Amino acid sequence: MFLLTLIDVLDILLTVITWIIIAQAILSWLLAFNVISARNEMVAGIWETLRRLTEPLYAPIRRIMPDFGALDLTPMVVIVIIIIISGPGLNYLRYLAVSYV
């Protein structure tokens, strides 16, 4: 029972991380197209917070991926990895936890 709870918590954390990555991508587009200004203190604070949360996830992948110039595909790669982990990966762990009990 404890293992199933732990797997559910991991699933929730992966969902939250996915939404943080999506929020950062949307904010980066808004900044790039000058819809909002980075000089605004609140926007700058939100941007810095999102950057600090996602940079540890992006750094290892950026070392592997080729440079596409202004196009950064790292968030998409991280989301695909999260989908793989949260889909088949967590389902397999749930199966193992249920069969263990």
N, C-alpha and C. Protein backbone atom coordinates (compact mmCIF):
# COMPACT_ATOMS: atom_id res chain seq x y z
N MET A 1 0.83 -1.19 0.00
CA MET A 1 0.00 0.00 0.00
C MET A 1 0.87 1.25 0.00
N PHE A 2 1.94 1.23 0.77
CA PHE A 2 2.86 2.37 0.82
C PHE A 2 3.49 2.62 -0.54
N LEU A 3 3.83 1.53 -1.25
CA LEU A 3 4.45 1.68 -2.57
C LEU A 3 3.50 2.33 -3.56
N LEU A 4 2.22 1.97 -3.50
CA LEU A 4 1.25 2.59 -4.40
C LEU A 4 1.10 4.08 -4.11
N THR A 5 1.12 4.45 -2.85
CA THR A 5 1.04 5.86 -2.47
C THR A 5 2.27 6.60 -2.98
N LEU A 6 3.42 6.00 -2.83
CA LEU A 6 4.66 6.62 -3.30
C LEU A 6 4.65 6.79 -4.82
N ILE A 7 4.12 5.82 -5.54
CA ILE A 7 4.02 5.92 -6.99
C ILE A 7 3.04 7.03 -7.38
N ASP A 8 1.93 7.15 -6.65
CA ASP A 8 0.97 8.22 -6.92
C ASP A 8 1.58 9.60 -6.68
N VAL A 9 2.37 9.73 -5.63
CA VAL A 9 3.05 11.01 -5.35
C VAL A 9 4.03 11.33 -6.47
N LEU A 10 4.76 10.34 -6.93
CA LEU A 10 5.69 10.54 -8.05
C LEU A 10 4.94 10.95 -9.31
N ASP A 11 3.78 10.38 -9.54
CA ASP A 11 2.96 10.75 -10.69
C ASP A 11 2.52 12.21 -10.60
N ILE A 12 2.11 12.64 -9.42
CA ILE A 12 1.70 14.03 -9.22
C ILE A 12 2.88 14.97 -9.43
N LEU A 13 4.05 14.61 -8.91
CA LEU A 13 5.24 15.45 -9.10
C LEU A 13 5.61 15.58 -10.58
N LEU A 14 5.51 14.50 -11.32
CA LEU A 14 5.81 14.55 -12.76
C LEU A 14 4.81 15.44 -13.49
N THR A 15 3.54 15.40 -13.07
CA THR A 15 2.53 16.27 -13.67
C THR A 15 2.82 17.73 -13.37
N VAL A 16 3.20 18.03 -12.14
CA VAL A 16 3.52 19.41 -11.77
C VAL A 16 4.74 19.91 -12.56
N ILE A 17 5.75 19.07 -12.71
CA ILE A 17 6.94 19.45 -13.47
C ILE A 17 6.57 19.73 -14.93
N THR A 18 5.68 18.92 -15.49
CA THR A 18 5.24 19.14 -16.86
C THR A 18 4.57 20.50 -17.01
N TRP A 19 3.70 20.86 -16.06
CA TRP A 19 3.01 22.15 -16.13
C TRP A 19 3.98 23.31 -15.93
N ILE A 20 5.00 23.13 -15.10
CA ILE A 20 6.01 24.18 -14.93
C ILE A 20 6.77 24.40 -16.25
N ILE A 21 7.10 23.33 -16.93
CA ILE A 21 7.80 23.44 -18.22
C ILE A 21 6.91 24.14 -19.25
N ILE A 22 5.63 23.80 -19.29
CA ILE A 22 4.70 24.44 -20.21
C ILE A 22 4.57 25.93 -19.90
N ALA A 23 4.47 26.26 -18.61
CA ALA A 23 4.36 27.67 -18.22
C ALA A 23 5.60 28.45 -18.63
N GLN A 24 6.77 27.84 -18.46
CA GLN A 24 8.00 28.52 -18.87
C GLN A 24 8.05 28.72 -20.38
N ALA A 25 7.60 27.73 -21.14
CA ALA A 25 7.60 27.87 -22.60
C ALA A 25 6.67 28.99 -23.04
N ILE A 26 5.49 29.05 -22.45
CA ILE A 26 4.55 30.12 -22.81
C ILE A 26 5.11 31.48 -22.43
N LEU A 27 5.70 31.57 -21.25
CA LEU A 27 6.29 32.84 -20.82
C LEU A 27 7.45 33.25 -21.72
N SER A 28 8.24 32.29 -22.17
CA SER A 28 9.35 32.64 -23.07
C SER A 28 8.84 33.15 -24.40
N TRP A 29 7.73 32.58 -24.90
CA TRP A 29 7.14 33.09 -26.15
C TRP A 29 6.61 34.50 -25.95
N LEU A 30 5.94 34.74 -24.82
CA LEU A 30 5.41 36.08 -24.55
C LEU A 30 6.54 37.10 -24.45
N LEU A 31 7.64 36.71 -23.85
CA LEU A 31 8.80 37.61 -23.76
C LEU A 31 9.44 37.81 -25.13
N ALA A 32 9.56 36.75 -25.92
CA ALA A 32 10.21 36.84 -27.23
C ALA A 32 9.44 37.73 -28.19
N PHE A 33 8.11 37.71 -28.12
CA PHE A 33 7.29 38.52 -29.01
C PHE A 33 6.88 39.85 -28.41
N ASN A 34 7.52 40.22 -27.31
CA ASN A 34 7.28 41.50 -26.63
C ASN A 34 5.83 41.73 -26.24
N VAL A 35 5.14 40.66 -25.88
CA VAL A 35 3.79 40.79 -25.37
C VAL A 35 3.85 41.30 -23.93
N ILE A 36 4.83 40.79 -23.20
CA ILE A 36 5.11 41.27 -21.84
C ILE A 36 6.57 41.67 -21.79
N SER A 37 6.89 42.50 -20.83
CA SER A 37 8.25 43.03 -20.73
C SER A 37 8.99 42.36 -19.57
N ALA A 38 10.24 42.00 -19.82
CA ALA A 38 11.07 41.43 -18.78
C ALA A 38 11.52 42.48 -17.77
N ARG A 39 11.29 43.75 -18.10
CA ARG A 39 11.64 44.82 -17.17
C ARG A 39 10.64 44.94 -16.03
N ASN A 40 9.47 44.36 -16.22
CA ASN A 40 8.47 44.32 -15.15
C ASN A 40 9.01 43.42 -14.04
N GLU A 41 9.00 43.92 -12.82
CA GLU A 41 9.61 43.19 -11.70
C GLU A 41 8.92 41.85 -11.44
N MET A 42 7.59 41.82 -11.54
CA MET A 42 6.88 40.57 -11.29
C MET A 42 7.17 39.54 -12.38
N VAL A 43 7.18 39.97 -13.63
CA VAL A 43 7.49 39.07 -14.75
C VAL A 43 8.91 38.54 -14.62
N ALA A 44 9.84 39.41 -14.28
CA ALA A 44 11.23 38.99 -14.11
C ALA A 44 11.36 37.98 -12.97
N GLY A 45 10.62 38.19 -11.90
CA GLY A 45 10.66 37.25 -10.78
C GLY A 45 10.10 35.89 -11.14
N ILE A 46 8.97 35.89 -11.87
CA ILE A 46 8.38 34.62 -12.30
C ILE A 46 9.31 33.91 -13.27
N TRP A 47 9.89 34.66 -14.21
CA TRP A 47 10.81 34.07 -15.19
C TRP A 47 12.03 33.44 -14.49
N GLU A 48 12.59 34.15 -13.54
CA GLU A 48 13.77 33.64 -12.83
C GLU A 48 13.42 32.39 -12.02
N THR A 49 12.25 32.39 -11.39
CA THR A 49 11.82 31.21 -10.62
C THR A 49 11.64 30.00 -11.52
N LEU A 50 10.96 30.20 -12.64
CA LEU A 50 10.76 29.08 -13.57
C LEU A 50 12.09 28.61 -14.16
N ARG A 51 12.99 29.54 -14.44
CA ARG A 51 14.30 29.16 -14.98
C ARG A 51 15.08 28.32 -13.97
N ARG A 52 15.05 28.74 -12.71
CA ARG A 52 15.78 27.99 -11.69
C ARG A 52 15.18 26.62 -11.43
N LEU A 53 13.88 26.48 -11.61
CA LEU A 53 13.24 25.18 -11.43
C LEU A 53 13.53 24.23 -12.58
N THR A 54 13.62 24.76 -13.79
CA THR A 54 13.77 23.87 -14.95
C THR A 54 15.20 23.67 -15.41
N GLU A 55 16.09 24.56 -15.10
CA GLU A 55 17.47 24.45 -15.57
C GLU A 55 18.15 23.13 -15.16
N PRO A 56 17.97 22.64 -13.93
CA PRO A 56 18.58 21.33 -13.61
C PRO A 56 18.07 20.18 -14.47
N LEU A 57 16.84 20.30 -14.98
CA LEU A 57 16.32 19.27 -15.88
C LEU A 57 16.87 19.42 -17.29
N TYR A 58 17.07 20.66 -17.71
CA TYR A 58 17.52 20.94 -19.07
C TYR A 58 19.01 20.72 -19.27
N ALA A 59 19.81 20.99 -18.27
CA ALA A 59 21.28 20.99 -18.43
C ALA A 59 21.83 19.68 -18.99
N PRO A 60 21.47 18.51 -18.45
CA PRO A 60 22.04 17.27 -19.02
C PRO A 60 21.62 17.03 -20.46
N ILE A 61 20.40 17.43 -20.80
CA ILE A 61 19.91 17.19 -22.16
C ILE A 61 20.56 18.17 -23.14
N ARG A 62 20.78 19.40 -22.69
CA ARG A 62 21.45 20.38 -23.57
C ARG A 62 22.86 19.97 -23.91
N ARG A 63 23.52 19.23 -23.02
CA ARG A 63 24.88 18.74 -23.33
C ARG A 63 24.86 17.71 -24.44
N ILE A 64 23.77 16.96 -24.56
CA ILE A 64 23.67 15.89 -25.54
C ILE A 64 23.14 16.40 -26.88
N MET A 65 22.14 17.29 -26.84
CA MET A 65 21.47 17.73 -28.05
C MET A 65 22.34 18.68 -28.88
N PRO A 66 22.19 18.62 -30.20
CA PRO A 66 22.91 19.57 -31.05
C PRO A 66 22.31 20.97 -30.91
N ASP A 67 23.08 21.97 -31.27
CA ASP A 67 22.64 23.35 -31.18
C ASP A 67 21.81 23.70 -32.41
N PHE A 68 20.57 24.14 -32.17
CA PHE A 68 19.68 24.54 -33.26
C PHE A 68 19.55 26.05 -33.34
N GLY A 69 20.48 26.77 -32.77
CA GLY A 69 20.43 28.22 -32.79
C GLY A 69 19.40 28.75 -31.81
N ALA A 70 18.46 29.55 -32.31
CA ALA A 70 17.45 30.15 -31.44
C ALA A 70 16.36 29.16 -31.05
N LEU A 71 16.27 28.03 -31.74
CA LEU A 71 15.25 27.03 -31.46
C LEU A 71 15.73 26.09 -30.36
N ASP A 72 15.03 26.09 -29.23
CA ASP A 72 15.40 25.23 -28.11
C ASP A 72 14.36 24.13 -27.97
N LEU A 73 14.77 22.91 -28.31
CA LEU A 73 13.86 21.77 -28.23
C LEU A 73 13.97 21.02 -26.91
N THR A 74 14.79 21.50 -26.01
CA THR A 74 15.00 20.82 -24.74
C THR A 74 13.73 20.64 -23.93
N PRO A 75 12.86 21.65 -23.80
CA PRO A 75 11.62 21.43 -23.03
C PRO A 75 10.76 20.31 -23.62
N MET A 76 10.71 20.22 -24.94
CA MET A 76 9.92 19.17 -25.57
C MET A 76 10.52 17.79 -25.28
N VAL A 77 11.83 17.68 -25.30
CA VAL A 77 12.49 16.41 -25.01
C VAL A 77 12.22 16.01 -23.56
N VAL A 78 12.29 16.97 -22.64
CA VAL A 78 12.04 16.67 -21.23
C VAL A 78 10.59 16.21 -21.03
N ILE A 79 9.65 16.87 -21.71
CA ILE A 79 8.25 16.46 -21.58
C ILE A 79 8.04 15.06 -22.14
N VAL A 80 8.68 14.72 -23.24
CA VAL A 80 8.56 13.37 -23.80
C VAL A 80 9.12 12.34 -22.82
N ILE A 81 10.24 12.65 -22.20
CA ILE A 81 10.82 11.74 -21.20
C ILE A 81 9.86 11.58 -20.01
N ILE A 82 9.25 12.68 -19.57
CA ILE A 82 8.30 12.61 -18.46
C ILE A 82 7.09 11.77 -18.86
N ILE A 83 6.61 11.91 -20.08
CA ILE A 83 5.47 11.11 -20.54
C ILE A 83 5.82 9.63 -20.54
N ILE A 84 7.03 9.31 -20.98
CA ILE A 84 7.45 7.91 -20.99
C ILE A 84 7.55 7.36 -19.56
N ILE A 85 8.09 8.17 -18.66
CA ILE A 85 8.22 7.73 -17.27
C ILE A 85 6.84 7.59 -16.62
N SER A 86 5.99 8.60 -16.81
CA SER A 86 4.70 8.59 -16.11
C SER A 86 3.70 7.63 -16.73
N GLY A 87 3.84 7.33 -17.99
CA GLY A 87 2.92 6.39 -18.64
C GLY A 87 3.31 4.95 -18.37
N PRO A 88 4.08 4.37 -19.26
CA PRO A 88 4.45 2.96 -19.10
C PRO A 88 5.31 2.69 -17.87
N GLY A 89 6.16 3.63 -17.52
CA GLY A 89 7.06 3.40 -16.38
C GLY A 89 6.30 3.25 -15.07
N LEU A 90 5.43 4.20 -14.78
CA LEU A 90 4.66 4.13 -13.53
C LEU A 90 3.63 3.02 -13.55
N ASN A 91 3.06 2.72 -14.72
CA ASN A 91 2.13 1.59 -14.80
C ASN A 91 2.82 0.28 -14.47
N TYR A 92 4.04 0.11 -14.94
CA TYR A 92 4.80 -1.09 -14.62
C TYR A 92 5.12 -1.15 -13.13
N LEU A 93 5.49 -0.01 -12.54
CA LEU A 93 5.76 0.02 -11.11
C LEU A 93 4.50 -0.30 -10.31
N ARG A 94 3.34 0.20 -10.76
CA ARG A 94 2.08 -0.13 -10.09
C ARG A 94 1.80 -1.63 -10.17
N TYR A 95 2.04 -2.21 -11.33
CA TYR A 95 1.85 -3.65 -11.51
C TYR A 95 2.76 -4.42 -10.55
N LEU A 96 4.02 -4.01 -10.46
CA LEU A 96 4.94 -4.68 -9.55
C LEU A 96 4.52 -4.52 -8.09
N ALA A 97 4.03 -3.33 -7.73
CA ALA A 97 3.61 -3.09 -6.35
C ALA A 97 2.39 -3.92 -6.00
N VAL A 98 1.44 -4.04 -6.92
CA VAL A 98 0.25 -4.83 -6.64
C VAL A 98 0.59 -6.31 -6.57
N SER A 99 1.45 -6.79 -7.46
CA SER A 99 1.81 -8.21 -7.44
C SER A 99 2.71 -8.54 -6.24
N TYR A 100 3.40 -7.54 -5.71
CA TYR A 100 4.26 -7.78 -4.54
C TYR A 100 3.41 -8.00 -3.29
N VAL A 101 2.30 -7.28 -3.20
CA VAL A 101 1.41 -7.39 -2.04
C VAL A 101 0.67 -8.65 -2.15
